[in-house]
N, C-alpha and C. Protein backbone atom coordinates (compact mmCIF):
# COMPACT_ATOMS: atom_id res chain seq x y z
N MET A 1 -8.04 -48.46 40.50
CA MET A 1 -8.15 -48.65 41.94
C MET A 1 -7.23 -49.78 42.37
N ASP A 2 -6.71 -49.65 43.54
CA ASP A 2 -5.88 -50.67 44.16
C ASP A 2 -6.65 -51.99 44.17
N ALA A 3 -6.08 -53.02 43.55
CA ALA A 3 -6.76 -54.32 43.44
C ALA A 3 -7.06 -54.92 44.82
N ARG A 4 -6.20 -54.64 45.78
CA ARG A 4 -6.43 -55.16 47.14
C ARG A 4 -7.70 -54.56 47.72
N LEU A 5 -7.88 -53.26 47.54
CA LEU A 5 -9.07 -52.59 48.05
C LEU A 5 -10.31 -53.08 47.32
N MET A 6 -10.23 -53.24 46.00
CA MET A 6 -11.37 -53.74 45.25
C MET A 6 -11.78 -55.13 45.74
N ASN A 7 -10.82 -55.98 46.00
CA ASN A 7 -11.11 -57.32 46.51
C ASN A 7 -11.81 -57.25 47.86
N LEU A 8 -11.33 -56.40 48.74
CA LEU A 8 -11.94 -56.22 50.06
C LEU A 8 -13.37 -55.70 49.92
N ILE A 9 -13.57 -54.70 49.08
CA ILE A 9 -14.91 -54.14 48.88
C ILE A 9 -15.85 -55.20 48.33
N ARG A 10 -15.42 -55.93 47.33
CA ARG A 10 -16.29 -56.96 46.72
C ARG A 10 -16.66 -58.05 47.74
N ASP A 11 -15.70 -58.48 48.55
CA ASP A 11 -15.99 -59.48 49.58
C ASP A 11 -16.99 -58.92 50.60
N PHE A 12 -16.79 -57.68 51.00
CA PHE A 12 -17.71 -57.02 51.93
C PHE A 12 -19.11 -56.99 51.32
N GLN A 13 -19.23 -56.57 50.08
CA GLN A 13 -20.54 -56.49 49.43
C GLN A 13 -21.20 -57.86 49.32
N ARG A 14 -20.43 -58.90 49.03
CA ARG A 14 -21.00 -60.26 48.95
C ARG A 14 -21.56 -60.69 50.31
N LYS A 15 -20.82 -60.40 51.38
CA LYS A 15 -21.29 -60.78 52.72
C LYS A 15 -22.51 -59.97 53.12
N VAL A 16 -22.57 -58.70 52.75
CA VAL A 16 -23.76 -57.90 53.04
C VAL A 16 -24.96 -58.48 52.31
N ALA A 17 -24.79 -58.83 51.04
CA ALA A 17 -25.89 -59.43 50.27
C ALA A 17 -26.34 -60.74 50.93
N GLN A 18 -25.40 -61.53 51.38
CA GLN A 18 -25.74 -62.79 52.07
C GLN A 18 -26.47 -62.50 53.37
N ALA A 19 -26.01 -61.52 54.12
CA ALA A 19 -26.64 -61.15 55.39
C ALA A 19 -28.08 -60.67 55.16
N VAL A 20 -28.29 -59.85 54.14
CA VAL A 20 -29.64 -59.34 53.85
C VAL A 20 -30.56 -60.50 53.46
N SER A 21 -30.05 -61.44 52.70
CA SER A 21 -30.83 -62.62 52.34
C SER A 21 -31.21 -63.43 53.58
N MET A 22 -30.29 -63.55 54.50
CA MET A 22 -30.56 -64.27 55.75
C MET A 22 -31.63 -63.54 56.56
N LEU A 23 -31.55 -62.23 56.61
CA LEU A 23 -32.56 -61.44 57.33
C LEU A 23 -33.94 -61.66 56.71
N GLU A 24 -34.00 -61.60 55.38
CA GLU A 24 -35.27 -61.80 54.69
C GLU A 24 -35.82 -63.19 54.95
N SER A 25 -34.96 -64.19 54.97
CA SER A 25 -35.39 -65.56 55.27
C SER A 25 -35.92 -65.69 56.69
N ALA A 26 -35.44 -64.84 57.58
CA ALA A 26 -35.89 -64.85 58.98
C ALA A 26 -37.11 -63.95 59.19
N GLY A 27 -37.63 -63.37 58.10
CA GLY A 27 -38.83 -62.55 58.20
C GLY A 27 -38.59 -61.08 58.47
N ILE A 28 -37.35 -60.63 58.32
CA ILE A 28 -37.03 -59.21 58.51
C ILE A 28 -36.90 -58.59 57.13
N ALA A 29 -37.87 -57.78 56.76
CA ALA A 29 -37.94 -57.22 55.42
C ALA A 29 -36.83 -56.20 55.18
N ARG A 30 -36.40 -56.17 53.95
CA ARG A 30 -35.43 -55.17 53.52
C ARG A 30 -36.13 -53.82 53.47
N PRO A 31 -35.50 -52.79 54.01
CA PRO A 31 -36.17 -51.49 54.07
C PRO A 31 -36.17 -50.75 52.74
N LEU A 32 -37.11 -49.83 52.60
CA LEU A 32 -37.16 -48.98 51.42
C LEU A 32 -36.19 -47.81 51.53
N SER A 33 -35.75 -47.55 52.76
CA SER A 33 -34.78 -46.47 52.98
C SER A 33 -34.05 -46.71 54.29
N ASN A 34 -32.95 -46.01 54.48
CA ASN A 34 -32.24 -46.12 55.76
C ASN A 34 -33.07 -45.51 56.89
N ILE A 35 -33.87 -44.50 56.57
CA ILE A 35 -34.75 -43.89 57.58
C ILE A 35 -35.81 -44.90 58.03
N ALA A 36 -36.37 -45.63 57.07
CA ALA A 36 -37.37 -46.66 57.41
C ALA A 36 -36.75 -47.71 58.33
N TRP A 37 -35.51 -48.09 58.04
CA TRP A 37 -34.83 -49.08 58.88
C TRP A 37 -34.62 -48.52 60.29
N ALA A 38 -34.15 -47.29 60.36
CA ALA A 38 -33.84 -46.68 61.66
C ALA A 38 -35.09 -46.52 62.53
N SER A 39 -36.24 -46.37 61.91
CA SER A 39 -37.47 -46.18 62.67
C SER A 39 -38.25 -47.47 62.88
N ALA A 40 -37.75 -48.59 62.38
CA ALA A 40 -38.44 -49.87 62.52
C ALA A 40 -38.34 -50.38 63.97
N ASP A 41 -39.36 -51.08 64.38
CA ASP A 41 -39.36 -51.71 65.70
C ASP A 41 -39.18 -53.21 65.48
N PHE A 42 -37.99 -53.69 65.70
CA PHE A 42 -37.69 -55.09 65.43
C PHE A 42 -38.18 -55.97 66.58
N PRO A 43 -38.98 -56.99 66.25
CA PRO A 43 -39.51 -57.86 67.29
C PRO A 43 -38.46 -58.76 67.92
N LYS A 44 -37.36 -58.99 67.23
CA LYS A 44 -36.35 -59.90 67.75
C LYS A 44 -34.96 -59.38 67.46
N ARG A 45 -34.10 -59.47 68.44
CA ARG A 45 -32.69 -59.15 68.30
C ARG A 45 -31.92 -60.32 68.88
N GLY A 46 -30.69 -60.44 68.52
CA GLY A 46 -29.87 -61.52 69.05
C GLY A 46 -29.97 -62.76 68.19
N PRO A 47 -29.98 -63.95 68.80
CA PRO A 47 -29.99 -65.20 68.03
C PRO A 47 -31.24 -65.32 67.16
N MET A 48 -31.02 -65.78 65.92
CA MET A 48 -32.10 -65.91 64.95
C MET A 48 -32.14 -67.34 64.43
N PRO A 49 -33.32 -67.74 63.90
CA PRO A 49 -33.38 -69.04 63.22
C PRO A 49 -32.37 -69.04 62.08
N GLY A 50 -31.69 -70.11 61.90
CA GLY A 50 -30.67 -70.17 60.85
C GLY A 50 -29.27 -70.02 61.40
N GLY A 51 -29.17 -69.80 62.71
CA GLY A 51 -27.86 -69.82 63.35
C GLY A 51 -27.04 -68.55 63.25
N PHE A 52 -27.67 -67.40 63.07
CA PHE A 52 -26.92 -66.16 63.07
C PHE A 52 -27.47 -65.23 64.14
N THR A 53 -26.70 -64.22 64.47
CA THR A 53 -27.10 -63.25 65.48
C THR A 53 -27.32 -61.91 64.79
N PHE A 54 -28.37 -61.22 65.19
CA PHE A 54 -28.82 -59.98 64.55
C PHE A 54 -28.79 -58.85 65.57
N TYR A 55 -28.03 -57.81 65.25
CA TYR A 55 -27.93 -56.63 66.11
C TYR A 55 -28.24 -55.37 65.28
N PRO A 56 -29.50 -54.91 65.28
CA PRO A 56 -29.81 -53.69 64.53
C PRO A 56 -29.25 -52.46 65.22
N HIS A 57 -28.89 -51.46 64.42
CA HIS A 57 -28.39 -50.19 64.96
C HIS A 57 -28.61 -49.11 63.91
N GLY A 58 -28.98 -47.94 64.30
CA GLY A 58 -29.08 -46.80 63.40
C GLY A 58 -29.62 -47.14 62.03
N PHE A 59 -28.81 -46.90 60.99
CA PHE A 59 -29.20 -47.14 59.61
C PHE A 59 -28.87 -48.56 59.14
N GLY A 60 -28.40 -49.43 60.02
CA GLY A 60 -28.00 -50.76 59.58
C GLY A 60 -28.04 -51.78 60.68
N CYS A 61 -27.15 -52.76 60.57
CA CYS A 61 -27.09 -53.82 61.57
C CYS A 61 -25.77 -54.57 61.46
N ALA A 62 -25.53 -55.37 62.47
CA ALA A 62 -24.40 -56.29 62.45
C ALA A 62 -24.99 -57.69 62.43
N ILE A 63 -24.43 -58.52 61.60
CA ILE A 63 -24.81 -59.92 61.50
C ILE A 63 -23.58 -60.74 61.85
N ARG A 64 -23.76 -61.67 62.77
CA ARG A 64 -22.65 -62.53 63.16
C ARG A 64 -23.06 -63.99 62.96
N CYS A 65 -22.21 -64.69 62.23
CA CYS A 65 -22.39 -66.12 62.01
C CYS A 65 -21.21 -66.83 62.67
N GLN A 66 -21.22 -68.13 62.60
CA GLN A 66 -20.14 -68.89 63.22
C GLN A 66 -18.78 -68.55 62.59
N ASP A 67 -18.74 -68.41 61.26
CA ASP A 67 -17.47 -68.23 60.56
C ASP A 67 -17.18 -66.82 60.08
N TRP A 68 -18.14 -65.93 60.15
CA TRP A 68 -17.95 -64.57 59.64
C TRP A 68 -18.93 -63.61 60.28
N SER A 69 -18.62 -62.32 60.11
CA SER A 69 -19.54 -61.28 60.57
C SER A 69 -19.39 -60.08 59.64
N VAL A 70 -20.45 -59.28 59.60
CA VAL A 70 -20.43 -58.07 58.81
C VAL A 70 -21.33 -57.03 59.47
N ASP A 71 -20.87 -55.79 59.46
CA ASP A 71 -21.63 -54.67 60.00
C ASP A 71 -21.81 -53.69 58.86
N PHE A 72 -23.05 -53.31 58.57
CA PHE A 72 -23.30 -52.45 57.41
C PHE A 72 -24.48 -51.53 57.67
N ASP A 73 -24.58 -50.50 56.85
CA ASP A 73 -25.71 -49.59 56.83
C ASP A 73 -26.41 -49.71 55.50
N PHE A 74 -27.73 -49.50 55.52
CA PHE A 74 -28.49 -49.40 54.28
C PHE A 74 -28.28 -48.00 53.72
N GLY A 75 -28.35 -47.87 52.41
CA GLY A 75 -28.23 -46.58 51.77
C GLY A 75 -29.52 -45.79 51.87
N ASP A 76 -29.50 -44.58 51.33
CA ASP A 76 -30.66 -43.69 51.40
C ASP A 76 -31.93 -44.34 50.88
N ALA A 77 -31.81 -45.14 49.82
CA ALA A 77 -32.97 -45.81 49.22
C ALA A 77 -32.94 -47.31 49.48
N GLY A 78 -32.33 -47.72 50.59
CA GLY A 78 -32.27 -49.13 50.96
C GLY A 78 -31.18 -49.92 50.25
N GLU A 79 -30.27 -49.25 49.56
CA GLU A 79 -29.20 -49.95 48.85
C GLU A 79 -28.35 -50.76 49.83
N ILE A 80 -27.73 -51.81 49.29
CA ILE A 80 -26.88 -52.65 50.15
C ILE A 80 -25.45 -52.73 49.65
N ASP A 81 -25.08 -51.88 48.70
CA ASP A 81 -23.72 -51.93 48.16
C ASP A 81 -22.82 -50.82 48.69
N GLY A 82 -23.28 -50.04 49.65
CA GLY A 82 -22.48 -48.97 50.21
C GLY A 82 -21.54 -49.47 51.30
N PHE A 83 -20.52 -48.67 51.56
CA PHE A 83 -19.51 -49.03 52.56
C PHE A 83 -18.85 -47.76 53.04
N ASP A 84 -18.06 -47.88 54.05
CA ASP A 84 -17.22 -46.78 54.49
C ASP A 84 -15.89 -47.35 54.95
N GLU A 85 -14.96 -46.46 55.14
CA GLU A 85 -13.60 -46.83 55.51
C GLU A 85 -13.55 -47.70 56.76
N GLY A 86 -14.27 -47.27 57.80
CA GLY A 86 -14.25 -48.00 59.06
C GLY A 86 -14.82 -49.39 58.97
N ARG A 87 -15.91 -49.54 58.23
CA ARG A 87 -16.53 -50.86 58.08
C ARG A 87 -15.63 -51.81 57.28
N LEU A 88 -14.94 -51.27 56.28
CA LEU A 88 -14.02 -52.12 55.53
C LEU A 88 -12.87 -52.57 56.41
N CYS A 89 -12.35 -51.67 57.23
CA CYS A 89 -11.27 -52.04 58.16
C CYS A 89 -11.74 -53.11 59.14
N SER A 90 -12.93 -52.92 59.67
CA SER A 90 -13.49 -53.89 60.62
C SER A 90 -13.72 -55.24 59.95
N PHE A 91 -14.27 -55.21 58.75
CA PHE A 91 -14.54 -56.45 58.02
C PHE A 91 -13.24 -57.19 57.72
N GLY A 92 -12.21 -56.45 57.31
CA GLY A 92 -10.92 -57.08 57.04
C GLY A 92 -10.31 -57.66 58.30
N GLY A 93 -10.48 -56.95 59.41
CA GLY A 93 -10.06 -57.41 60.73
C GLY A 93 -8.75 -58.15 60.77
N LYS A 94 -8.81 -59.36 61.26
CA LYS A 94 -7.62 -60.18 61.42
C LYS A 94 -7.17 -60.81 60.11
N ARG A 95 -7.91 -60.56 59.03
CA ARG A 95 -7.58 -61.14 57.73
C ARG A 95 -6.97 -60.11 56.78
N LEU A 96 -6.43 -59.03 57.31
CA LEU A 96 -5.85 -57.99 56.45
C LEU A 96 -4.82 -58.57 55.49
N ALA A 97 -3.98 -59.46 55.99
CA ALA A 97 -2.95 -60.06 55.13
C ALA A 97 -3.56 -60.85 53.98
N ASP A 98 -4.73 -61.43 54.18
CA ASP A 98 -5.41 -62.16 53.10
C ASP A 98 -5.73 -61.23 51.93
N TYR A 99 -5.91 -59.96 52.23
CA TYR A 99 -6.20 -58.97 51.20
C TYR A 99 -4.94 -58.21 50.75
N GLY A 100 -3.80 -58.55 51.34
CA GLY A 100 -2.55 -57.92 50.96
C GLY A 100 -2.22 -56.64 51.71
N PHE A 101 -3.00 -56.33 52.75
CA PHE A 101 -2.75 -55.14 53.56
C PHE A 101 -1.97 -55.51 54.81
N LYS A 102 -1.08 -54.62 55.22
CA LYS A 102 -0.31 -54.84 56.44
C LYS A 102 -0.98 -54.21 57.65
N SER A 103 -1.85 -53.22 57.40
CA SER A 103 -2.48 -52.52 58.51
C SER A 103 -3.76 -51.84 58.03
N GLU A 104 -4.56 -51.43 59.00
CA GLU A 104 -5.74 -50.64 58.67
C GLU A 104 -5.35 -49.31 58.05
N ASP A 105 -4.21 -48.77 58.44
CA ASP A 105 -3.75 -47.51 57.86
C ASP A 105 -3.55 -47.65 56.35
N GLU A 106 -3.09 -48.81 55.90
CA GLU A 106 -2.93 -49.04 54.46
C GLU A 106 -4.30 -49.05 53.76
N ILE A 107 -5.30 -49.65 54.41
CA ILE A 107 -6.65 -49.64 53.84
C ILE A 107 -7.14 -48.20 53.75
N ARG A 108 -6.97 -47.45 54.82
CA ARG A 108 -7.44 -46.06 54.85
C ARG A 108 -6.75 -45.22 53.76
N LEU A 109 -5.46 -45.41 53.56
CA LEU A 109 -4.74 -44.68 52.52
C LEU A 109 -5.27 -45.06 51.14
N SER A 110 -5.43 -46.34 50.90
CA SER A 110 -5.94 -46.81 49.61
C SER A 110 -7.35 -46.28 49.37
N TYR A 111 -8.16 -46.25 50.41
CA TYR A 111 -9.54 -45.74 50.33
C TYR A 111 -9.53 -44.26 49.96
N ARG A 112 -8.70 -43.49 50.62
CA ARG A 112 -8.61 -42.05 50.34
C ARG A 112 -8.13 -41.80 48.91
N GLN A 113 -7.14 -42.58 48.46
CA GLN A 113 -6.64 -42.42 47.10
C GLN A 113 -7.73 -42.75 46.08
N ALA A 114 -8.49 -43.82 46.32
CA ALA A 114 -9.57 -44.20 45.41
C ALA A 114 -10.65 -43.13 45.36
N THR A 115 -10.89 -42.49 46.49
CA THR A 115 -11.87 -41.40 46.52
C THR A 115 -11.35 -40.19 45.75
N GLU A 116 -10.08 -39.86 45.96
CA GLU A 116 -9.48 -38.70 45.29
C GLU A 116 -9.48 -38.81 43.77
N VAL A 117 -9.26 -40.02 43.25
CA VAL A 117 -9.22 -40.19 41.79
C VAL A 117 -10.60 -40.49 41.21
N GLY A 118 -11.61 -40.60 42.06
CA GLY A 118 -12.98 -40.79 41.58
C GLY A 118 -13.43 -42.21 41.42
N ASP A 119 -12.65 -43.19 41.88
CA ASP A 119 -13.08 -44.59 41.80
C ASP A 119 -14.18 -44.89 42.82
N LEU A 120 -14.18 -44.13 43.92
CA LEU A 120 -15.23 -44.25 44.93
C LEU A 120 -16.04 -42.97 44.92
N MET A 121 -17.34 -43.11 45.01
CA MET A 121 -18.23 -41.96 45.02
C MET A 121 -18.87 -41.83 46.40
N PRO A 122 -18.47 -40.82 47.16
CA PRO A 122 -19.08 -40.63 48.47
C PRO A 122 -20.50 -40.07 48.33
N SER A 123 -21.39 -40.55 49.18
CA SER A 123 -22.73 -39.99 49.27
C SER A 123 -22.84 -39.33 50.64
N ARG A 124 -24.05 -39.11 51.07
CA ARG A 124 -24.24 -38.45 52.36
C ARG A 124 -23.69 -39.28 53.51
N THR A 125 -23.89 -40.60 53.47
CA THR A 125 -23.47 -41.43 54.60
C THR A 125 -22.51 -42.55 54.23
N LEU A 126 -22.49 -42.97 52.97
CA LEU A 126 -21.67 -44.10 52.54
C LEU A 126 -20.92 -43.74 51.26
N SER A 127 -20.06 -44.64 50.85
CA SER A 127 -19.40 -44.53 49.55
C SER A 127 -19.82 -45.70 48.69
N TYR A 128 -19.70 -45.51 47.39
CA TYR A 128 -20.07 -46.54 46.41
C TYR A 128 -19.00 -46.62 45.35
N LEU A 129 -18.87 -47.79 44.72
CA LEU A 129 -17.98 -47.91 43.59
C LEU A 129 -18.53 -47.07 42.44
N ARG A 130 -17.66 -46.42 41.70
CA ARG A 130 -18.11 -45.61 40.58
C ARG A 130 -18.89 -46.48 39.59
N GLU A 131 -18.37 -47.65 39.29
CA GLU A 131 -19.04 -48.56 38.37
C GLU A 131 -19.91 -49.51 39.17
N ARG A 132 -21.16 -49.10 39.37
CA ARG A 132 -22.10 -49.93 40.13
C ARG A 132 -22.76 -50.92 39.20
N GLN A 133 -23.19 -52.03 39.76
CA GLN A 133 -23.79 -53.09 38.98
C GLN A 133 -25.16 -52.73 38.41
N GLY A 134 -25.89 -51.83 39.06
CA GLY A 134 -27.20 -51.45 38.56
C GLY A 134 -28.30 -52.43 38.95
N ASN A 135 -28.00 -53.35 39.86
CA ASN A 135 -29.00 -54.33 40.30
C ASN A 135 -29.02 -54.31 41.82
N ASN A 136 -30.07 -53.74 42.39
CA ASN A 136 -30.16 -53.58 43.83
C ASN A 136 -30.14 -54.91 44.57
N ASP A 137 -30.58 -56.00 43.95
CA ASP A 137 -30.56 -57.30 44.62
C ASP A 137 -29.15 -57.82 44.77
N GLU A 138 -28.25 -57.43 43.90
CA GLU A 138 -26.87 -57.89 43.99
C GLU A 138 -26.01 -56.93 44.78
N GLY A 139 -26.64 -55.93 45.37
CA GLY A 139 -25.87 -55.03 46.21
C GLY A 139 -25.70 -53.64 45.64
N ALA A 140 -26.21 -53.40 44.47
CA ALA A 140 -26.10 -52.05 43.93
C ALA A 140 -27.46 -51.41 43.92
N GLY A 141 -27.48 -50.13 43.95
CA GLY A 141 -28.77 -49.46 43.96
C GLY A 141 -28.86 -48.32 43.02
C-alpha cells in the first residue's frame, strides 16, 4: 500500500480513538452497533465538557477540538477503525502536503488502488485495513 495513504489512515484512526475516548469521558457510551448509535437520543450536542464540540449524525459523529477535528462512522458492530475515501480526504484537508499528497484526487486514486489489490477491505458502509489490529479498543474490531 502507498505509504502516504497508510500514514493518513493511521492518523485518522488515532484521532477517532481519541475522539471516542473523549466521548466516553463525557458520558456518551460507545455503541454496540452503528444501528444503536443511529437510534440513540443524545441529551447534549454541541459544546462538551473538556473543550470539544460533538455533532452526532447517522452512524457516527463529528468531533471538533481547538487544534483538530474528525468525522467518522461506527462500524456494524461498533468498530472504530473503519474509514472511507471521503472522510480521509476531509481529515487530510489543508494538510494534504503533510501526507505527501498534492490533491484529494491523489488520495482517491491511492485509495482505489489499495482496494483493487486487496490492502483495503470494503464492508457494507466502510473500509478496513486488511491487517487489522484485532483490538477493538485501539480502533480495530
